[in-house]
Amino acid sequence: MRWLRRPMGSGAYKSWLVDGGSLTRRLQRRCRDFAVQPVRVVDARPKLDEAQLLCATARRVALLREVRLICAGRPVVFAHSVLPHKSLRGPWLGLARLGNRPLGGQLFADPRVMRTPLEYKKLHRHHPLYRRATAHLTAQTADIWARRSVFRLGCAAILVTEVFLPEVLK
């Protein structure tokens, strides 16, 4: 199934999906004890569709960063980012070493950063992102929604995919 231009049928997730502002900032305003929990930071090849969005070859290794965004001790969002090494220079040099700091805080802090239109996808339990996003859950959950977009600064580009977990609705 392809990524969509509109999140049709997304129900309660819609307000989270279509908000074009900083998700990090929205979560920080909403919850106490906001935290970023790194899950995986590795050099690996992005998926073909991810490489295409970044105008890169699928064979080229990039930094893949996966984190959970935590509100009051509960994971509410799983974020998967593809950071091509050629983009980790200049103003984005420090992005490879974020640790438990949010990527969104860095991206939205610079007014020169441009964002492509959001794309949306309903993830089913067999989708790899669904499996990684829900690996911490003790029980299977219903389908969940994700959105993605590319952030650009000059010639540098970073793909950010955010998977909204059921806890974000509570």
C-alpha atoms as a PDB file:
ATOM      1  CA  MET A   1       0.000   0.000   0.000  1.00  0.00           C
ATOM      2  CA  ARG A   2       1.300   3.420  -0.955  1.00  0.00           C
ATOM      3  CA  TRP A   3       1.690   6.477   1.230  1.00  0.00           C
ATOM      4  CA  LEU A   4      -1.309   8.826   0.990  1.00  0.00           C
ATOM      5  CA  ARG A   5      -1.601  12.584   0.509  1.00  0.00           C
ATOM      6  CA  ARG A   6      -4.504  12.747   2.985  1.00  0.00           C
ATOM      7  CA  PRO A   7      -5.125  10.569   6.060  1.00  0.00           C
ATOM      8  CA  MET A   8      -8.580   9.363   5.010  1.00  0.00           C
ATOM      9  CA  GLY A   9     -10.260   7.241   7.658  1.00  0.00           C
ATOM     10  CA  SER A  10      -7.723   8.086  10.361  1.00  0.00           C
ATOM     11  CA  GLY A  11     -10.385   8.904  12.957  1.00  0.00           C
ATOM     12  CA  ALA A  12      -9.008  10.065  16.305  1.00  0.00           C
ATOM     13  CA  TYR A  13      -5.449  10.130  14.920  1.00  0.00           C
ATOM     14  CA  LYS A  14      -6.281  12.849  12.374  1.00  0.00           C
ATOM     15  CA  SER A  15      -5.443  15.902  14.499  1.00  0.00           C
ATOM     16  CA  TRP A  16      -2.042  14.398  15.293  1.00  0.00           C
ATOM     17  CA  LEU A  17      -1.373  13.450  11.690  1.00  0.00           C
ATOM     18  CA  VAL A  18      -2.206  16.737   9.995  1.00  0.00           C
ATOM     19  CA  ASP A  19      -0.541  19.097  12.476  1.00  0.00           C
ATOM     20  CA  GLY A  20       2.339  20.614  10.513  1.00  0.00           C
ATOM     21  CA  GLY A  21       4.072  22.096  13.535  1.00  0.00           C
ATOM     22  CA  SER A  22       6.710  20.510  15.727  1.00  0.00           C
ATOM     23  CA  LEU A  23       5.431  17.224  17.154  1.00  0.00           C
ATOM     24  CA  THR A  24       8.088  17.465  19.863  1.00  0.00           C
ATOM     25  CA  ARG A  25       6.805  20.871  20.960  1.00  0.00           C
ATOM     26  CA  ARG A  26       3.184  19.672  20.940  1.00  0.00           C
ATOM     27  CA  LEU A  27       4.057  16.679  23.097  1.00  0.00           C
ATOM     28  CA  GLN A  28       6.123  18.799  25.488  1.00  0.00           C
ATOM     29  CA  ARG A  29       3.139  21.145  25.978  1.00  0.00           C
ATOM     30  CA  ARG A  30       0.732  18.244  26.456  1.00  0.00           C
ATOM     31  CA  CYS A  31       2.530  16.017  28.909  1.00  0.00           C
ATOM     32  CA  ARG A  32       4.699  16.179  31.949  1.00  0.00           C
ATOM     33  CA  ASP A  33       7.987  14.339  31.954  1.00  0.00           C
ATOM     34  CA  PHE A  34       8.533  14.305  28.193  1.00  0.00           C
ATOM     35  CA  ALA A  35      11.529  12.175  27.200  1.00  0.00           C
ATOM     36  CA  VAL A  36      13.232  10.712  24.157  1.00  0.00           C
ATOM     37  CA  GLN A  37      14.298   7.071  24.447  1.00  0.00           C
ATOM     38  CA  PRO A  38      16.752   5.921  21.763  1.00  0.00           C
ATOM     39  CA  VAL A  39      15.883   2.437  20.489  1.00  0.00           C
ATOM     40  CA  ARG A  40      18.307   2.002  17.587  1.00  0.00           C
ATOM     41  CA  VAL A  41      20.973   4.183  15.993  1.00  0.00           C
ATOM     42  CA  VAL A  42      22.865   2.354  13.242  1.00  0.00           C
ATOM     43  CA  ASP A  43      24.513   2.792   9.888  1.00  0.00           C
ATOM     44  CA  ALA A  44      22.367   0.843   7.439  1.00  0.00           C
ATOM     45  CA  ARG A  45      20.740   1.012   4.042  1.00  0.00           C
ATOM     46  CA  PRO A  46      17.378   2.767   3.978  1.00  0.00           C
ATOM     47  CA  LYS A  47      14.361   1.149   2.333  1.00  0.00           C
ATOM     48  CA  LEU A  48      14.075   1.813  -1.392  1.00  0.00           C
ATOM     49  CA  ASP A  49      11.143   4.239  -1.059  1.00  0.00           C
ATOM     50  CA  GLU A  50      13.007   6.144   1.666  1.00  0.00           C
ATOM     51  CA  ALA A  51      16.127   6.455  -0.488  1.00  0.00           C
ATOM     52  CA  GLN A  52      14.015   7.684  -3.399  1.00  0.00           C
ATOM     53  CA  LEU A  53      12.463  10.437  -1.266  1.00  0.00           C
ATOM     54  CA  LEU A  54      15.971  11.559  -0.340  1.00  0.00           C
ATOM     55  CA  CYS A  55      17.201  11.356  -3.956  1.00  0.00           C
ATOM     56  CA  ALA A  56      19.814   8.832  -2.836  1.00  0.00           C
ATOM     57  CA  THR A  57      20.708   5.365  -4.022  1.00  0.00           C
ATOM     58  CA  ALA A  58      19.368   2.504  -1.933  1.00  0.00           C
ATOM     59  CA  ARG A  59      22.859   1.016  -1.747  1.00  0.00           C
ATOM     60  CA  ARG A  60      24.244   4.038   0.089  1.00  0.00           C
ATOM     61  CA  VAL A  61      24.437   3.620   3.858  1.00  0.00           C
ATOM     62  CA  ALA A  62      22.782   6.267   6.042  1.00  0.00           C
ATOM     63  CA  LEU A  63      22.383   6.820   9.747  1.00  0.00           C
ATOM     64  CA  LEU A  64      19.056   5.278  10.825  1.00  0.00           C
ATOM     65  CA  ARG A  65      17.773   6.603  14.133  1.00  0.00           C
ATOM     66  CA  GLU A  66      14.768   5.153  15.912  1.00  0.00           C
ATOM     67  CA  VAL A  67      13.429   6.569  19.159  1.00  0.00           C
ATOM     68  CA  ARG A  68      10.349   6.454  21.324  1.00  0.00           C
ATOM     69  CA  LEU A  69       8.809   9.731  22.421  1.00  0.00           C
ATOM     70  CA  ILE A  70       7.652   9.251  25.994  1.00  0.00           C
ATOM     71  CA  CYS A  71       4.933  11.106  27.922  1.00  0.00           C
ATOM     72  CA  ALA A  72       4.677  10.453  31.646  1.00  0.00           C
ATOM     73  CA  GLY A  73       6.561   7.177  31.260  1.00  0.00           C
ATOM     74  CA  ARG A  74       4.434   5.885  28.350  1.00  0.00           C
ATOM     75  CA  PRO A  75       5.595   5.654  24.723  1.00  0.00           C
ATOM     76  CA  VAL A  76       3.238   7.709  22.532  1.00  0.00           C
ATOM     77  CA  VAL A  77       5.203   8.023  19.269  1.00  0.00           C
ATOM     78  CA  PHE A  78       7.842   5.901  17.540  1.00  0.00           C
ATOM     79  CA  ALA A  79      10.083   7.984  15.276  1.00  0.00           C
ATOM     80  CA  HIS A  80      12.198   6.528  12.460  1.00  0.00           C
ATOM     81  CA  SER A  81      14.632   8.926  10.787  1.00  0.00           C
ATOM     82  CA  VAL A  82      16.969   8.454   7.833  1.00  0.00           C
ATOM     83  CA  LEU A  83      19.943  10.795   7.950  1.00  0.00           C
ATOM     84  CA  PRO A  84      22.219  10.443   4.918  1.00  0.00           C
ATOM     85  CA  HIS A  85      25.854  10.949   5.908  1.00  0.00           C
ATOM     86  CA  LYS A  86      26.257  13.700   3.296  1.00  0.00           C
ATOM     87  CA  SER A  87      23.525  15.636   5.162  1.00  0.00           C
ATOM     88  CA  LEU A  88      25.341  15.427   8.494  1.00  0.00           C
ATOM     89  CA  ARG A  89      27.653  18.321   7.708  1.00  0.00           C
ATOM     90  CA  GLY A  90      27.547  22.050   8.256  1.00  0.00           C
ATOM     91  CA  PRO A  91      24.564  23.131  10.376  1.00  0.00           C
ATOM     92  CA  TRP A  92      23.442  19.516  10.827  1.00  0.00           C
ATOM     93  CA  LEU A  93      26.845  18.187  11.928  1.00  0.00           C
ATOM     94  CA  GLY A  94      25.652  17.436  15.470  1.00  0.00           C
ATOM     95  CA  LEU A  95      22.561  15.455  14.460  1.00  0.00           C
ATOM     96  CA  ALA A  96      24.520  12.195  14.453  1.00  0.00           C
ATOM     97  CA  ARG A  97      25.082  12.569  18.203  1.00  0.00           C
ATOM     98  CA  LEU A  98      21.668  13.567  19.529  1.00  0.00           C
ATOM     99  CA  GLY A  99      21.393  10.782  22.090  1.00  0.00           C
ATOM    100  CA  ASN A 100      18.202  11.369  24.059  1.00  0.00           C
ATOM    101  CA  ARG A 101      17.599  14.848  22.634  1.00  0.00           C
ATOM    102  CA  PRO A 102      14.729  15.286  20.151  1.00  0.00           C
ATOM    103  CA  LEU A 103      15.537  15.669  16.451  1.00  0.00           C
ATOM    104  CA  GLY A 104      12.456  17.845  15.976  1.00  0.00           C
ATOM    105  CA  GLY A 105      13.833  20.464  18.320  1.00  0.00           C
ATOM    106  CA  GLN A 106      16.825  20.892  16.035  1.00  0.00           C
ATOM    107  CA  LEU A 107      14.866  20.861  12.777  1.00  0.00           C
ATOM    108  CA  PHE A 108      12.244  23.411  13.826  1.00  0.00           C
ATOM    109  CA  ALA A 109      14.787  25.716  15.472  1.00  0.00           C
ATOM    110  CA  ASP A 110      16.246  26.830  12.140  1.00  0.00           C
ATOM    111  CA  PRO A 111      13.862  28.947  10.012  1.00  0.00           C
ATOM    112  CA  ARG A 112      15.842  28.039   6.863  1.00  0.00           C
ATOM    113  CA  VAL A 113      14.692  24.405   7.101  1.00  0.00           C
ATOM    114  CA  MET A 114      11.995  23.542   4.572  1.00  0.00           C
ATOM    115  CA  ARG A 115       9.580  20.617   4.979  1.00  0.00           C
ATOM    116  CA  THR A 116       7.927  18.659   2.189  1.00  0.00           C
ATOM    117  CA  PRO A 117       4.179  17.954   2.423  1.00  0.00           C
ATOM    118  CA  LEU A 118       3.261  15.210   4.854  1.00  0.00           C
ATOM    119  CA  GLU A 119       2.436  11.707   3.601  1.00  0.00           C
ATOM    120  CA  TYR A 120       0.310   9.243   5.565  1.00  0.00           C
ATOM    121  CA  LYS A 121      -0.056   5.507   5.925  1.00  0.00           C
ATOM    122  CA  LYS A 122      -2.183   3.143   7.978  1.00  0.00           C
ATOM    123  CA  LEU A 123       0.204   0.484   9.259  1.00  0.00           C
ATOM    124  CA  HIS A 124      -0.984  -3.088   9.634  1.00  0.00           C
ATOM    125  CA  ARG A 125       0.644  -5.603  11.965  1.00  0.00           C
ATOM    126  CA  HIS A 126       2.785  -7.146   9.191  1.00  0.00           C
ATOM    127  CA  HIS A 127       4.431  -3.853   8.223  1.00  0.00           C
ATOM    128  CA  PRO A 128       8.067  -3.632   9.471  1.00  0.00           C
ATOM    129  CA  LEU A 129       7.517  -0.169  10.989  1.00  0.00           C
ATOM    130  CA  TYR A 130       4.440  -1.418  12.837  1.00  0.00           C
ATOM    131  CA  ARG A 131       6.440  -4.302  14.297  1.00  0.00           C
ATOM    132  CA  ARG A 132       9.321  -2.086  15.448  1.00  0.00           C
ATOM    133  CA  ALA A 133       7.004   0.614  16.789  1.00  0.00           C
ATOM    134  CA  THR A 134       4.923  -1.820  18.860  1.00  0.00           C
ATOM    135  CA  ALA A 135       7.689  -4.220  19.948  1.00  0.00           C
ATOM    136  CA  HIS A 136       7.475  -2.878  23.521  1.00  0.00           C
ATOM    137  CA  LEU A 137       3.727  -3.547  23.809  1.00  0.00           C
ATOM    138  CA  THR A 138       2.600  -6.665  25.659  1.00  0.00           C
ATOM    139  CA  ALA A 139      -0.517  -7.122  23.490  1.00  0.00           C
ATOM    140  CA  GLN A 140      -1.120  -6.564  19.776  1.00  0.00           C
ATOM    141  CA  THR A 141      -2.896  -3.344  19.002  1.00  0.00           C
ATOM    142  CA  ALA A 142      -5.142  -2.406  16.118  1.00  0.00           C
ATOM    143  CA  ASP A 143      -3.761  -0.756  13.021  1.00  0.00           C
ATOM    144  CA  ILE A 144      -1.877   2.451  13.704  1.00  0.00           C
ATOM    145  CA  TRP A 145      -1.121   5.533  11.637  1.00  0.00           C
ATOM    146  CA  ALA A 146       2.167   7.039  10.528  1.00  0.00           C
ATOM    147  CA  ARG A 147       3.221  10.169   8.720  1.00  0.00           C
ATOM    148  CA  ARG A 148       6.456  11.159   7.051  1.00  0.00           C
ATOM    149  CA  SER A 149       8.135  14.114   5.419  1.00  0.00           C
ATOM    150  CA  VAL A 150      11.554  15.267   4.277  1.00  0.00           C
ATOM    151  CA  PHE A 151      13.298  18.205   5.914  1.00  0.00           C
ATOM    152  CA  ARG A 152      15.734  20.154   3.706  1.00  0.00           C
ATOM    153  CA  LEU A 153      18.424  22.653   4.503  1.00  0.00           C
ATOM    154  CA  GLY A 154      20.342  23.670   1.400  1.00  0.00           C
ATOM    155  CA  CYS A 155      21.509  20.437  -0.249  1.00  0.00           C
ATOM    156  CA  ALA A 156      20.986  18.373   2.921  1.00  0.00           C
ATOM    157  CA  ALA A 157      17.857  16.237   3.388  1.00  0.00           C
ATOM    158  CA  ILE A 158      16.546  14.098   6.259  1.00  0.00           C
ATOM    159  CA  LEU A 159      13.490  11.830   6.241  1.00  0.00           C
ATOM    160  CA  VAL A 160      11.424  11.679   9.421  1.00  0.00           C
ATOM    161  CA  THR A 161       8.651   9.109   9.901  1.00  0.00           C
ATOM    162  CA  GLU A 162       6.462   9.309  12.999  1.00  0.00           C
ATOM    163  CA  VAL A 163       4.285   6.379  14.078  1.00  0.00           C
ATOM    164  CA  PHE A 164       1.476   7.324  16.441  1.00  0.00           C
ATOM    165  CA  LEU A 165       0.927   4.738  19.149  1.00  0.00           C
ATOM    166  CA  PRO A 166      -2.500   4.232  20.810  1.00  0.00           C
ATOM    167  CA  GLU A 167      -1.302   5.968  24.009  1.00  0.00           C
ATOM    168  CA  VAL A 168      -1.134   9.299  22.147  1.00  0.00           C
ATOM    169  CA  LEU A 169      -4.956   9.306  22.082  1.00  0.00           C
ATOM    170  CA  LYS A 170      -5.320   9.067  25.867  1.00  0.00           C
END
